[in-house]
């Protein structure tokens, strides 16, 4: 067989609808499998616990508040 005959056979083979459909299905399957294998979940966002944020905010809030007047104790009221 000459190169020209091989070329005609290969060209007729590639033009066949069954070969085209098979190639498309195989490419789609390979793409899907690669997506599944390489899938990575997004990491969950770490939420700060409310106790930690409140504990950190409490000293700042106390410093910002105005000083309150002291209330006399029970024993001191009687002395006055």
C-alpha atoms as a PDB file:
ATOM      1  CA  UNK A   1       0.000   0.000   0.000  1.00  0.00           C
ATOM      2  CA  UNK A   2       1.170   3.467  -0.759  1.00  0.00           C
ATOM      3  CA  UNK A   3       0.975   6.531   1.431  1.00  0.00           C
ATOM      4  CA  UNK A   4      -1.932   7.856  -0.648  1.00  0.00           C
ATOM      5  CA  UNK A   5      -4.013   4.731   0.065  1.00  0.00           C
ATOM      6  CA  UNK A   6      -3.222   4.950   3.812  1.00  0.00           C
ATOM      7  CA  UNK A   7      -4.190   8.602   3.806  1.00  0.00           C
ATOM      8  CA  UNK A   8      -7.572   7.839   2.162  1.00  0.00           C
ATOM      9  CA  UNK A   9      -8.326   5.083   4.692  1.00  0.00           C
ATOM     10  CA  UNK A  10      -7.442   7.340   7.650  1.00  0.00           C
ATOM     11  CA  UNK A  11      -9.493  10.203   6.212  1.00  0.00           C
ATOM     12  CA  UNK A  12     -12.537   7.961   5.702  1.00  0.00           C
ATOM     13  CA  UNK A  13     -12.118   6.598   9.221  1.00  0.00           C
ATOM     14  CA  UNK A  14     -12.041  10.087  10.775  1.00  0.00           C
ATOM     15  CA  UNK A  15     -15.112  11.180   8.784  1.00  0.00           C
ATOM     16  CA  UNK A  16     -17.230   8.312  10.117  1.00  0.00           C
ATOM     17  CA  UNK A  17     -19.977   9.563  12.479  1.00  0.00           C
ATOM     18  CA  UNK A  18     -19.447   6.685  14.930  1.00  0.00           C
ATOM     19  CA  UNK A  19     -15.805   7.659  15.444  1.00  0.00           C
ATOM     20  CA  UNK A  20     -16.719  11.324  15.937  1.00  0.00           C
ATOM     21  CA  UNK A  21     -19.432  10.490  18.506  1.00  0.00           C
ATOM     22  CA  UNK A  22     -17.106   8.108  20.345  1.00  0.00           C
ATOM     23  CA  UNK A  23     -14.327  10.704  20.541  1.00  0.00           C
ATOM     24  CA  UNK A  24     -16.729  13.353  21.882  1.00  0.00           C
ATOM     25  CA  UNK A  25     -18.129  10.957  24.518  1.00  0.00           C
ATOM     26  CA  UNK A  26     -14.651   9.880  25.633  1.00  0.00           C
ATOM     27  CA  UNK A  27     -13.473  13.509  25.923  1.00  0.00           C
ATOM     28  CA  UNK A  28     -16.578  14.409  27.962  1.00  0.00           C
ATOM     29  CA  UNK A  29     -16.087  11.399  30.249  1.00  0.00           C
ATOM     30  CA  UNK A  30     -12.402  12.208  30.811  1.00  0.00           C
ATOM     31  CA  UNK A  31     -13.232  15.837  31.587  1.00  0.00           C
ATOM     32  CA  UNK A  32     -15.915  14.788  34.088  1.00  0.00           C
ATOM     33  CA  UNK A  33     -13.614  12.297  35.816  1.00  0.00           C
ATOM     34  CA  UNK A  34     -10.853  14.905  36.101  1.00  0.00           C
ATOM     35  CA  UNK A  35     -13.310  17.384  37.666  1.00  0.00           C
ATOM     36  CA  UNK A  36     -14.430  14.783  40.211  1.00  0.00           C
ATOM     37  CA  UNK A  37     -10.899  13.681  41.096  1.00  0.00           C
ATOM     38  CA  UNK A  38      -9.545  17.235  41.449  1.00  0.00           C
ATOM     39  CA  UNK A  39     -12.577  18.613  43.328  1.00  0.00           C
ATOM     40  CA  UNK A  40     -11.689  20.456  46.520  1.00  0.00           C
ATOM     41  CA  UNK A  41     -14.258  21.824  48.913  1.00  0.00           C
ATOM     42  CA  UNK A  42     -13.915  25.433  49.874  1.00  0.00           C
ATOM     43  CA  UNK A  43     -12.612  25.680  53.423  1.00  0.00           C
ATOM     44  CA  UNK A  44     -15.206  26.609  55.996  1.00  0.00           C
ATOM     45  CA  UNK A  45     -14.915  30.105  57.366  1.00  0.00           C
ATOM     46  CA  UNK A  46     -13.780  30.055  60.961  1.00  0.00           C
ATOM     47  CA  UNK A  47     -16.196  31.978  63.105  1.00  0.00           C
ATOM     48  CA  UNK A  48     -14.884  33.617  66.222  1.00  0.00           C
ATOM     49  CA  UNK A  49     -16.800  32.528  69.275  1.00  0.00           C
ATOM     50  CA  UNK A  50     -18.957  35.182  70.905  1.00  0.00           C
ATOM     51  CA  UNK A  51     -17.316  34.593  74.296  1.00  0.00           C
ATOM     52  CA  UNK A  52     -13.893  35.540  73.013  1.00  0.00           C
ATOM     53  CA  UNK A  53     -15.100  38.655  71.225  1.00  0.00           C
ATOM     54  CA  UNK A  54     -17.167  39.785  74.231  1.00  0.00           C
ATOM     55  CA  UNK A  55     -14.242  39.189  76.593  1.00  0.00           C
ATOM     56  CA  UNK A  56     -11.978  41.296  74.408  1.00  0.00           C
ATOM     57  CA  UNK A  57     -14.584  44.039  74.022  1.00  0.00           C
ATOM     58  CA  UNK A  58     -15.384  44.230  77.770  1.00  0.00           C
ATOM     59  CA  UNK A  59     -12.107  45.882  78.913  1.00  0.00           C
ATOM     60  CA  UNK A  60     -12.384  48.443  76.141  1.00  0.00           C
ATOM     61  CA  UNK A  61     -15.998  49.203  77.033  1.00  0.00           C
ATOM     62  CA  UNK A  62     -15.169  49.668  80.722  1.00  0.00           C
ATOM     63  CA  UNK A  63     -12.421  52.145  79.956  1.00  0.00           C
ATOM     64  CA  UNK A  64     -14.743  54.220  77.789  1.00  0.00           C
ATOM     65  CA  UNK A  65     -17.563  54.441  80.375  1.00  0.00           C
ATOM     66  CA  UNK A  66     -17.645  57.419  82.764  1.00  0.00           C
ATOM     67  CA  UNK A  67     -16.930  56.721  86.414  1.00  0.00           C
ATOM     68  CA  UNK A  68     -19.975  56.095  88.564  1.00  0.00           C
ATOM     69  CA  UNK A  69     -20.423  57.603  92.031  1.00  0.00           C
ATOM     70  CA  UNK A  70     -19.803  55.218  94.884  1.00  0.00           C
ATOM     71  CA  UNK A  71     -22.842  54.167  96.829  1.00  0.00           C
ATOM     72  CA  UNK A  72     -22.448  54.231 100.589  1.00  0.00           C
ATOM     73  CA  UNK A  73     -22.439  50.900 102.353  1.00  0.00           C
ATOM     74  CA  UNK A  74     -25.019  49.983 104.967  1.00  0.00           C
ATOM     75  CA  UNK A  75     -22.794  50.694 107.954  1.00  0.00           C
ATOM     76  CA  UNK A  76     -21.667  54.084 106.665  1.00  0.00           C
ATOM     77  CA  UNK A  77     -25.219  55.447 106.273  1.00  0.00           C
ATOM     78  CA  UNK A  78     -25.889  55.092 109.993  1.00  0.00           C
ATOM     79  CA  UNK A  79     -22.685  56.936 110.963  1.00  0.00           C
ATOM     80  CA  UNK A  80     -23.622  60.078 109.044  1.00  0.00           C
END
